[in-house]
Amino acid sequence: MKKVLLFSVMMMAAMTMNAVESSIYYVIGSMNDWKVSETYKMTKYEPNTEQEEYFFVVDLVAGAQFKVCSSENGTDVKTWYPDGTGNNYGEKEGTKITEAGKYTVYFRPNKDGNDDWYEKYIYLAKGEPTAIETVEATVKSQKMFDNGQLVIIRDGKTYNALCAEVK
């Protein structure tokens, strides 16, 4: 009994430690001499609850190239996204950065981006994310009063407080 209990406690502790650990990703490229830097550390994109996603706002010059990498110690690259050579964002046709400015780099380490994502890992948007984009991305359902009654609107349908659809 004591061995089973000790094993269970150890397993729970290990699972808790793994749940707390999260990957650290960096934008790395011509703008930072291809070196990992805390200045270019990506932030988890909280409004996206369906996929693991990160973002970073960066100033890029025309002709800039970059990738995303992970690093365990904040200095050495562990994994490149996408892996290999000749595939930097900004290097291939269709990804070339032709205008200097502020950009937001979005990254999905599970390679589950849409077809408009580079190698299904990276999406580059001109400018910074706005509060409106964040609000629109996080609204799943809306509660409001209609004729004195609480209603819930979700996916274009209206429900009462008992979750029955109102027609």
N, C-alpha and C. Protein backbone atom coordinates (compact mmCIF):
# COMPACT_ATOMS: atom_id res chain seq x y z
N MET A 1 0.83 -1.19 0.00
CA MET A 1 0.00 0.00 0.00
C MET A 1 0.87 1.25 0.00
N LYS A 2 1.93 1.27 0.83
CA LYS A 2 2.80 2.44 0.89
C LYS A 2 3.50 2.67 -0.44
N LYS A 3 3.93 1.57 -1.12
CA LYS A 3 4.61 1.72 -2.40
C LYS A 3 3.66 2.32 -3.45
N VAL A 4 2.43 1.86 -3.48
CA VAL A 4 1.46 2.37 -4.44
C VAL A 4 1.19 3.84 -4.18
N LEU A 5 1.02 4.21 -2.91
CA LEU A 5 0.76 5.59 -2.55
C LEU A 5 1.94 6.48 -2.93
N LEU A 6 3.17 6.03 -2.64
CA LEU A 6 4.36 6.80 -2.97
C LEU A 6 4.48 6.97 -4.48
N PHE A 7 4.22 5.87 -5.24
CA PHE A 7 4.27 5.94 -6.69
C PHE A 7 3.24 6.95 -7.21
N SER A 8 2.02 6.92 -6.66
CA SER A 8 0.97 7.84 -7.09
C SER A 8 1.35 9.28 -6.82
N VAL A 9 1.94 9.56 -5.66
CA VAL A 9 2.36 10.92 -5.32
C VAL A 9 3.46 11.37 -6.27
N MET A 10 4.41 10.48 -6.58
CA MET A 10 5.49 10.83 -7.49
C MET A 10 4.95 11.10 -8.89
N MET A 11 3.99 10.30 -9.36
CA MET A 11 3.41 10.49 -10.69
C MET A 11 2.65 11.83 -10.76
N MET A 12 1.90 12.15 -9.70
CA MET A 12 1.17 13.41 -9.68
C MET A 12 2.12 14.59 -9.71
N ALA A 13 3.22 14.50 -8.98
CA ALA A 13 4.21 15.58 -8.97
C ALA A 13 4.83 15.74 -10.35
N ALA A 14 5.15 14.64 -11.01
CA ALA A 14 5.75 14.70 -12.35
C ALA A 14 4.76 15.30 -13.35
N MET A 15 3.49 14.90 -13.28
CA MET A 15 2.49 15.44 -14.19
C MET A 15 2.29 16.93 -13.95
N THR A 16 2.30 17.36 -12.70
CA THR A 16 2.14 18.78 -12.38
C THR A 16 3.31 19.57 -12.93
N MET A 17 4.54 19.07 -12.76
CA MET A 17 5.72 19.78 -13.28
C MET A 17 5.64 19.88 -14.79
N ASN A 18 5.21 18.82 -15.49
CA ASN A 18 5.12 18.86 -16.95
C ASN A 18 4.06 19.83 -17.40
N ALA A 19 2.95 19.93 -16.65
CA ALA A 19 1.88 20.84 -17.03
C ALA A 19 2.32 22.29 -16.89
N VAL A 20 3.19 22.58 -15.92
CA VAL A 20 3.63 23.95 -15.68
C VAL A 20 4.65 24.39 -16.73
N GLU A 21 5.49 23.43 -17.17
CA GLU A 21 6.51 23.76 -18.17
C GLU A 21 5.84 24.15 -19.48
N SER A 22 6.34 25.16 -20.13
CA SER A 22 5.84 25.48 -21.46
C SER A 22 7.03 25.85 -22.33
N SER A 23 6.86 25.67 -23.60
CA SER A 23 7.95 25.93 -24.53
C SER A 23 8.19 27.43 -24.65
N ILE A 24 9.43 27.77 -24.95
CA ILE A 24 9.81 29.17 -25.17
C ILE A 24 10.29 29.28 -26.61
N TYR A 25 9.67 30.22 -27.34
CA TYR A 25 9.97 30.40 -28.75
C TYR A 25 10.47 31.82 -28.99
N TYR A 26 11.34 31.96 -30.00
CA TYR A 26 11.95 33.23 -30.34
C TYR A 26 11.87 33.46 -31.85
N VAL A 27 11.74 34.72 -32.25
CA VAL A 27 11.91 35.09 -33.65
C VAL A 27 13.40 35.30 -33.82
N ILE A 28 13.96 34.70 -34.85
CA ILE A 28 15.40 34.77 -35.06
C ILE A 28 15.65 34.98 -36.56
N GLY A 29 16.50 35.96 -36.89
CA GLY A 29 16.72 36.21 -38.31
C GLY A 29 17.71 37.31 -38.58
N SER A 30 17.58 37.91 -39.76
CA SER A 30 18.54 38.93 -40.19
C SER A 30 18.49 40.16 -39.29
N MET A 31 17.38 40.39 -38.62
CA MET A 31 17.25 41.59 -37.77
C MET A 31 17.99 41.44 -36.44
N ASN A 32 18.36 40.21 -36.06
CA ASN A 32 19.11 40.02 -34.82
C ASN A 32 20.32 39.10 -35.03
N ASP A 33 20.87 39.13 -36.21
CA ASP A 33 22.07 38.35 -36.58
C ASP A 33 21.91 36.85 -36.31
N TRP A 34 20.68 36.35 -36.43
CA TRP A 34 20.38 34.92 -36.27
C TRP A 34 20.81 34.39 -34.90
N LYS A 35 20.67 35.25 -33.89
CA LYS A 35 21.03 34.85 -32.52
C LYS A 35 19.78 34.89 -31.64
N VAL A 36 19.64 33.90 -30.75
CA VAL A 36 18.53 33.88 -29.80
C VAL A 36 18.71 35.05 -28.85
N SER A 37 17.63 35.79 -28.62
CA SER A 37 17.69 36.95 -27.74
C SER A 37 16.37 37.07 -26.99
N GLU A 38 16.44 37.36 -25.70
CA GLU A 38 15.23 37.57 -24.89
C GLU A 38 14.38 38.69 -25.47
N THR A 39 15.00 39.63 -26.15
CA THR A 39 14.28 40.75 -26.77
C THR A 39 13.29 40.24 -27.81
N TYR A 40 13.55 39.09 -28.42
CA TYR A 40 12.71 38.55 -29.49
C TYR A 40 11.91 37.33 -29.03
N LYS A 41 11.66 37.24 -27.75
CA LYS A 41 10.90 36.12 -27.17
C LYS A 41 9.41 36.29 -27.49
N MET A 42 8.78 35.22 -27.96
CA MET A 42 7.38 35.27 -28.35
C MET A 42 6.47 35.12 -27.11
N THR A 43 5.24 35.60 -27.25
CA THR A 43 4.25 35.55 -26.18
C THR A 43 3.11 34.62 -26.60
N LYS A 44 2.62 33.84 -25.67
CA LYS A 44 1.48 32.96 -25.97
C LYS A 44 0.28 33.81 -26.33
N TYR A 45 -0.39 33.46 -27.42
CA TYR A 45 -1.55 34.20 -27.91
C TYR A 45 -2.79 33.63 -27.23
N GLU A 46 -3.19 34.24 -26.13
CA GLU A 46 -4.26 33.72 -25.29
C GLU A 46 -5.63 33.67 -25.95
N PRO A 47 -6.01 34.62 -26.83
CA PRO A 47 -7.34 34.51 -27.42
C PRO A 47 -7.57 33.22 -28.20
N ASN A 48 -6.50 32.59 -28.70
CA ASN A 48 -6.66 31.35 -29.45
C ASN A 48 -6.64 30.19 -28.47
N THR A 49 -7.81 29.62 -28.21
CA THR A 49 -7.90 28.50 -27.27
C THR A 49 -7.95 27.16 -27.99
N GLU A 50 -8.04 27.17 -29.31
CA GLU A 50 -8.15 25.92 -30.05
C GLU A 50 -6.79 25.36 -30.46
N GLN A 51 -5.83 26.22 -30.77
CA GLN A 51 -4.48 25.78 -31.14
C GLN A 51 -3.47 26.50 -30.26
N GLU A 52 -2.33 25.84 -30.06
CA GLU A 52 -1.23 26.51 -29.36
C GLU A 52 -0.65 27.53 -30.33
N GLU A 53 -0.64 28.81 -29.92
CA GLU A 53 -0.20 29.87 -30.81
C GLU A 53 0.56 30.94 -30.04
N TYR A 54 1.57 31.51 -30.67
CA TYR A 54 2.40 32.55 -30.08
C TYR A 54 2.47 33.72 -31.05
N PHE A 55 2.88 34.89 -30.54
CA PHE A 55 3.04 36.04 -31.43
C PHE A 55 4.17 36.91 -30.93
N PHE A 56 4.66 37.76 -31.85
CA PHE A 56 5.70 38.73 -31.52
C PHE A 56 5.59 39.88 -32.51
N VAL A 57 5.65 41.10 -32.01
CA VAL A 57 5.63 42.30 -32.86
C VAL A 57 7.07 42.72 -33.09
N VAL A 58 7.43 42.92 -34.36
CA VAL A 58 8.82 43.20 -34.70
C VAL A 58 8.88 44.23 -35.83
N ASP A 59 9.92 45.06 -35.79
CA ASP A 59 10.20 45.98 -36.89
C ASP A 59 11.08 45.24 -37.90
N LEU A 60 10.63 45.21 -39.15
CA LEU A 60 11.39 44.53 -40.20
C LEU A 60 11.72 45.52 -41.31
N VAL A 61 12.87 45.32 -41.93
CA VAL A 61 13.24 46.13 -43.09
C VAL A 61 12.92 45.32 -44.33
N ALA A 62 12.83 45.99 -45.46
CA ALA A 62 12.62 45.29 -46.72
C ALA A 62 13.77 44.31 -46.93
N GLY A 63 13.44 43.10 -47.32
CA GLY A 63 14.46 42.08 -47.54
C GLY A 63 14.79 41.25 -46.31
N ALA A 64 14.19 41.55 -45.17
CA ALA A 64 14.46 40.78 -43.94
C ALA A 64 14.02 39.32 -44.12
N GLN A 65 14.72 38.45 -43.40
CA GLN A 65 14.38 37.03 -43.38
C GLN A 65 14.41 36.56 -41.94
N PHE A 66 13.55 35.57 -41.63
CA PHE A 66 13.53 35.05 -40.26
C PHE A 66 12.92 33.67 -40.21
N LYS A 67 13.07 33.05 -39.07
CA LYS A 67 12.42 31.79 -38.70
C LYS A 67 12.00 31.94 -37.25
N VAL A 68 11.41 30.90 -36.71
CA VAL A 68 11.13 30.83 -35.28
C VAL A 68 11.95 29.67 -34.76
N CYS A 69 12.43 29.78 -33.53
CA CYS A 69 13.19 28.69 -32.94
C CYS A 69 12.78 28.50 -31.50
N SER A 70 13.09 27.35 -30.97
CA SER A 70 12.92 27.12 -29.54
C SER A 70 14.31 27.02 -28.93
N SER A 71 14.40 27.35 -27.67
CA SER A 71 15.68 27.32 -26.96
C SER A 71 15.42 26.93 -25.52
N GLU A 72 16.23 26.02 -25.00
CA GLU A 72 16.08 25.60 -23.60
C GLU A 72 16.76 26.56 -22.64
N ASN A 73 17.87 27.14 -23.07
CA ASN A 73 18.64 28.00 -22.16
C ASN A 73 18.61 29.47 -22.55
N GLY A 74 17.86 29.82 -23.57
CA GLY A 74 17.75 31.21 -23.98
C GLY A 74 18.92 31.72 -24.82
N THR A 75 19.85 30.83 -25.18
CA THR A 75 20.97 31.24 -26.02
C THR A 75 21.19 30.30 -27.20
N ASP A 76 21.04 29.01 -27.01
CA ASP A 76 21.30 28.03 -28.07
C ASP A 76 19.99 27.55 -28.69
N VAL A 77 19.97 27.45 -30.02
CA VAL A 77 18.79 26.98 -30.73
C VAL A 77 18.64 25.48 -30.50
N LYS A 78 17.43 25.08 -30.11
CA LYS A 78 17.11 23.66 -29.97
C LYS A 78 16.44 23.15 -31.24
N THR A 79 15.42 23.87 -31.72
CA THR A 79 14.67 23.46 -32.90
C THR A 79 14.36 24.67 -33.76
N TRP A 80 14.50 24.51 -35.09
CA TRP A 80 14.16 25.55 -36.04
C TRP A 80 12.79 25.26 -36.64
N TYR A 81 12.02 26.32 -36.88
CA TYR A 81 10.71 26.19 -37.53
C TYR A 81 10.65 27.16 -38.69
N PRO A 82 10.53 26.72 -39.92
CA PRO A 82 10.66 25.34 -40.36
C PRO A 82 12.12 24.90 -40.33
N ASP A 83 12.32 23.61 -40.22
CA ASP A 83 13.67 23.04 -40.16
C ASP A 83 14.29 23.06 -41.56
N GLY A 84 15.59 23.02 -41.61
CA GLY A 84 16.28 22.96 -42.89
C GLY A 84 16.78 24.32 -43.36
N THR A 85 17.36 24.33 -44.54
CA THR A 85 17.91 25.57 -45.09
C THR A 85 17.15 25.96 -46.36
N GLY A 86 17.31 27.22 -46.76
CA GLY A 86 16.67 27.70 -47.97
C GLY A 86 15.17 27.91 -47.81
N ASN A 87 14.69 27.97 -46.56
CA ASN A 87 13.26 28.12 -46.34
C ASN A 87 12.94 29.18 -45.27
N ASN A 88 13.78 30.20 -45.18
CA ASN A 88 13.49 31.29 -44.24
C ASN A 88 12.25 32.04 -44.72
N TYR A 89 11.48 32.59 -43.77
CA TYR A 89 10.39 33.47 -44.17
C TYR A 89 11.04 34.72 -44.75
N GLY A 90 10.61 35.15 -45.91
CA GLY A 90 11.21 36.31 -46.58
C GLY A 90 12.19 35.90 -47.66
N GLU A 91 12.52 34.63 -47.72
CA GLU A 91 13.48 34.14 -48.72
C GLU A 91 12.77 33.64 -49.97
N LYS A 92 11.68 32.91 -49.77
CA LYS A 92 10.95 32.32 -50.90
C LYS A 92 9.97 33.32 -51.49
N GLU A 93 9.71 33.16 -52.76
CA GLU A 93 8.72 33.99 -53.44
C GLU A 93 7.38 33.86 -52.72
N GLY A 94 6.68 34.97 -52.58
CA GLY A 94 5.40 34.97 -51.87
C GLY A 94 5.54 35.29 -50.39
N THR A 95 6.78 35.25 -49.88
CA THR A 95 7.01 35.61 -48.48
C THR A 95 7.95 36.80 -48.36
N LYS A 96 8.46 37.27 -49.48
CA LYS A 96 9.45 38.36 -49.43
C LYS A 96 8.87 39.62 -48.80
N ILE A 97 9.63 40.21 -47.89
CA ILE A 97 9.21 41.43 -47.21
C ILE A 97 9.69 42.60 -48.07
N THR A 98 8.73 43.32 -48.65
CA THR A 98 9.06 44.38 -49.59
C THR A 98 8.92 45.77 -48.99
N GLU A 99 8.32 45.85 -47.82
CA GLU A 99 8.08 47.16 -47.20
C GLU A 99 8.52 47.13 -45.74
N ALA A 100 9.36 48.08 -45.36
CA ALA A 100 9.79 48.18 -43.97
C ALA A 100 8.61 48.58 -43.09
N GLY A 101 8.63 48.10 -41.86
CA GLY A 101 7.55 48.49 -40.94
C GLY A 101 7.41 47.53 -39.78
N LYS A 102 6.35 47.76 -39.03
CA LYS A 102 6.04 46.93 -37.87
C LYS A 102 5.15 45.78 -38.33
N TYR A 103 5.51 44.57 -37.92
CA TYR A 103 4.78 43.36 -38.30
C TYR A 103 4.51 42.52 -37.06
N THR A 104 3.46 41.71 -37.14
CA THR A 104 3.20 40.73 -36.09
C THR A 104 3.45 39.35 -36.67
N VAL A 105 4.35 38.61 -36.02
CA VAL A 105 4.65 37.24 -36.41
C VAL A 105 3.81 36.32 -35.52
N TYR A 106 2.96 35.50 -36.14
CA TYR A 106 2.19 34.48 -35.41
C TYR A 106 2.84 33.14 -35.69
N PHE A 107 2.85 32.26 -34.68
CA PHE A 107 3.55 30.99 -34.81
C PHE A 107 2.75 29.87 -34.14
N ARG A 108 2.63 28.74 -34.83
CA ARG A 108 1.97 27.54 -34.29
C ARG A 108 2.96 26.38 -34.34
N PRO A 109 3.50 25.98 -33.19
CA PRO A 109 4.52 24.93 -33.16
C PRO A 109 4.00 23.55 -33.58
N ASN A 110 2.70 23.34 -33.58
CA ASN A 110 2.15 22.04 -33.96
C ASN A 110 1.86 21.94 -35.45
N LYS A 111 2.31 22.92 -36.21
CA LYS A 111 2.17 22.94 -37.67
C LYS A 111 0.71 22.77 -38.08
N ASP A 112 -0.18 23.52 -37.37
CA ASP A 112 -1.60 23.41 -37.66
C ASP A 112 -2.21 24.72 -38.16
N GLY A 113 -1.38 25.54 -38.78
CA GLY A 113 -1.89 26.77 -39.38
C GLY A 113 -2.67 26.46 -40.65
N ASN A 114 -3.44 27.43 -41.11
CA ASN A 114 -4.22 27.25 -42.34
C ASN A 114 -3.30 27.27 -43.55
N ASP A 115 -3.89 27.15 -44.73
CA ASP A 115 -3.12 27.13 -45.96
C ASP A 115 -2.39 28.44 -46.21
N ASP A 116 -2.86 29.55 -45.61
CA ASP A 116 -2.19 30.83 -45.81
C ASP A 116 -1.04 31.04 -44.82
N TRP A 117 -0.76 30.05 -44.00
CA TRP A 117 0.38 30.11 -43.08
C TRP A 117 1.59 29.50 -43.78
N TYR A 118 2.76 30.14 -43.62
CA TYR A 118 3.98 29.65 -44.24
C TYR A 118 4.39 28.32 -43.59
N GLU A 119 4.45 27.29 -44.41
CA GLU A 119 4.80 25.94 -43.94
C GLU A 119 3.89 25.49 -42.80
N LYS A 120 2.70 26.11 -42.68
CA LYS A 120 1.70 25.85 -41.63
C LYS A 120 2.21 26.22 -40.23
N TYR A 121 3.38 26.89 -40.15
CA TYR A 121 3.96 27.34 -38.88
C TYR A 121 3.79 28.85 -38.63
N ILE A 122 4.03 29.66 -39.67
CA ILE A 122 4.20 31.10 -39.47
C ILE A 122 3.19 31.89 -40.31
N TYR A 123 2.65 32.92 -39.68
CA TYR A 123 1.78 33.86 -40.38
C TYR A 123 2.29 35.26 -40.05
N LEU A 124 2.49 36.09 -41.06
CA LEU A 124 3.00 37.45 -40.87
C LEU A 124 1.91 38.44 -41.23
N ALA A 125 1.61 39.35 -40.31
CA ALA A 125 0.59 40.38 -40.55
C ALA A 125 1.23 41.75 -40.39
N LYS A 126 0.91 42.66 -41.29
CA LYS A 126 1.42 44.04 -41.20
C LYS A 126 0.76 44.71 -40.02
N GLY A 127 1.55 45.39 -39.19
CA GLY A 127 1.03 46.12 -38.04
C GLY A 127 0.98 45.27 -36.77
N GLU A 128 0.35 45.83 -35.76
CA GLU A 128 0.23 45.18 -34.46
C GLU A 128 -1.20 44.65 -34.29
N PRO A 129 -1.36 43.62 -33.44
CA PRO A 129 -2.72 43.17 -33.15
C PRO A 129 -3.48 44.31 -32.47
N THR A 130 -4.74 44.46 -32.79
CA THR A 130 -5.53 45.52 -32.18
C THR A 130 -6.45 44.93 -31.13
N ALA A 131 -6.95 45.79 -30.26
CA ALA A 131 -7.89 45.35 -29.23
C ALA A 131 -9.14 44.76 -29.87
N ILE A 132 -9.55 45.28 -31.01
CA ILE A 132 -10.75 44.77 -31.69
C ILE A 132 -10.52 43.34 -32.13
N GLU A 133 -9.35 43.04 -32.71
CA GLU A 133 -9.06 41.67 -33.12
C GLU A 133 -9.10 40.75 -31.92
N THR A 134 -8.54 41.18 -30.81
CA THR A 134 -8.51 40.35 -29.60
C THR A 134 -9.92 40.08 -29.11
N VAL A 135 -10.76 41.09 -29.08
CA VAL A 135 -12.14 40.91 -28.62
C VAL A 135 -12.89 39.97 -29.55
N GLU A 136 -12.77 40.18 -30.85
CA GLU A 136 -13.48 39.32 -31.79
C GLU A 136 -13.01 37.87 -31.68
N ALA A 137 -11.75 37.65 -31.42
CA ALA A 137 -11.22 36.30 -31.32
C ALA A 137 -11.68 35.60 -30.06
N THR A 138 -12.00 36.35 -29.01
CA THR A 138 -12.34 35.71 -27.75
C THR A 138 -13.83 35.55 -27.53
N VAL A 139 -14.67 36.24 -28.29
CA VAL A 139 -16.12 36.15 -28.06
C VAL A 139 -16.62 34.81 -28.59
N LYS A 140 -17.10 33.97 -27.70
CA LYS A 140 -17.67 32.67 -28.07
C LYS A 140 -19.18 32.73 -27.97
N SER A 141 -19.68 33.38 -26.93
CA SER A 141 -21.12 33.56 -26.75
C SER A 141 -21.34 34.90 -26.07
N GLN A 142 -22.57 35.37 -26.15
CA GLN A 142 -22.88 36.68 -25.61
C GLN A 142 -24.15 36.57 -24.79
N LYS A 143 -24.14 37.14 -23.57
CA LYS A 143 -25.32 37.17 -22.72
C LYS A 143 -25.90 38.57 -22.79
N MET A 144 -27.24 38.66 -22.87
CA MET A 144 -27.89 39.96 -22.89
C MET A 144 -29.34 39.81 -22.45
N PHE A 145 -29.98 40.91 -22.19
CA PHE A 145 -31.38 40.91 -21.82
C PHE A 145 -32.20 41.31 -23.05
N ASP A 146 -33.25 40.53 -23.32
CA ASP A 146 -34.16 40.81 -24.41
C ASP A 146 -35.57 40.80 -23.84
N ASN A 147 -36.23 41.95 -23.86
CA ASN A 147 -37.57 42.09 -23.27
C ASN A 147 -37.59 41.62 -21.82
N GLY A 148 -36.56 41.96 -21.06
CA GLY A 148 -36.50 41.62 -19.64
C GLY A 148 -36.07 40.20 -19.35
N GLN A 149 -35.77 39.41 -20.37
CA GLN A 149 -35.36 38.02 -20.20
C GLN A 149 -33.88 37.86 -20.56
N LEU A 150 -33.17 37.09 -19.74
CA LEU A 150 -31.77 36.79 -20.04
C LEU A 150 -31.72 35.83 -21.21
N VAL A 151 -30.95 36.18 -22.24
CA VAL A 151 -30.75 35.28 -23.38
C VAL A 151 -29.26 35.14 -23.64
N ILE A 152 -28.92 34.04 -24.27
CA ILE A 152 -27.53 33.75 -24.64
C ILE A 152 -27.50 33.60 -26.16
N ILE A 153 -26.59 34.32 -26.80
CA ILE A 153 -26.46 34.23 -28.25
C ILE A 153 -25.14 33.53 -28.55
N ARG A 154 -25.22 32.44 -29.29
CA ARG A 154 -24.02 31.68 -29.64
C ARG A 154 -24.20 31.13 -31.05
N ASP A 155 -23.20 31.35 -31.88
CA ASP A 155 -23.22 30.87 -33.27
C ASP A 155 -24.48 31.28 -34.00
N GLY A 156 -24.97 32.51 -33.74
CA GLY A 156 -26.12 33.04 -34.44
C GLY A 156 -27.47 32.54 -33.94
N LYS A 157 -27.47 31.70 -32.93
CA LYS A 157 -28.71 31.19 -32.35
C LYS A 157 -28.92 31.80 -30.97
N THR A 158 -30.18 31.94 -30.57
CA THR A 158 -30.52 32.53 -29.28
C THR A 158 -31.08 31.45 -28.37
N TYR A 159 -30.61 31.44 -27.10
CA TYR A 159 -31.04 30.46 -26.11
C TYR A 159 -31.53 31.19 -24.87
N ASN A 160 -32.48 30.57 -24.14
CA ASN A 160 -32.91 31.16 -22.87
C ASN A 160 -31.98 30.69 -21.76
N ALA A 161 -32.26 31.11 -20.51
CA ALA A 161 -31.39 30.78 -19.38
C ALA A 161 -31.36 29.29 -19.08
N LEU A 162 -32.34 28.53 -19.59
CA LEU A 162 -32.37 27.07 -19.40
C LEU A 162 -31.72 26.34 -20.57
N CYS A 163 -31.08 27.11 -21.46
CA CYS A 163 -30.34 26.59 -22.62
C CYS A 163 -31.25 26.01 -23.70
N ALA A 164 -32.53 26.38 -23.68
CA ALA A 164 -33.43 25.97 -24.76
C ALA A 164 -33.37 27.03 -25.84
N GLU A 165 -33.35 26.61 -27.10
CA GLU A 165 -33.28 27.57 -28.19
C GLU A 165 -34.56 28.37 -28.28
N VAL A 166 -34.41 29.68 -28.45
CA VAL A 166 -35.54 30.59 -28.60
C VAL A 166 -35.68 30.87 -30.09
N LYS A 167 -36.89 30.65 -30.62
CA LYS A 167 -37.10 30.84 -32.06
C LYS A 167 -37.87 32.08 -32.34
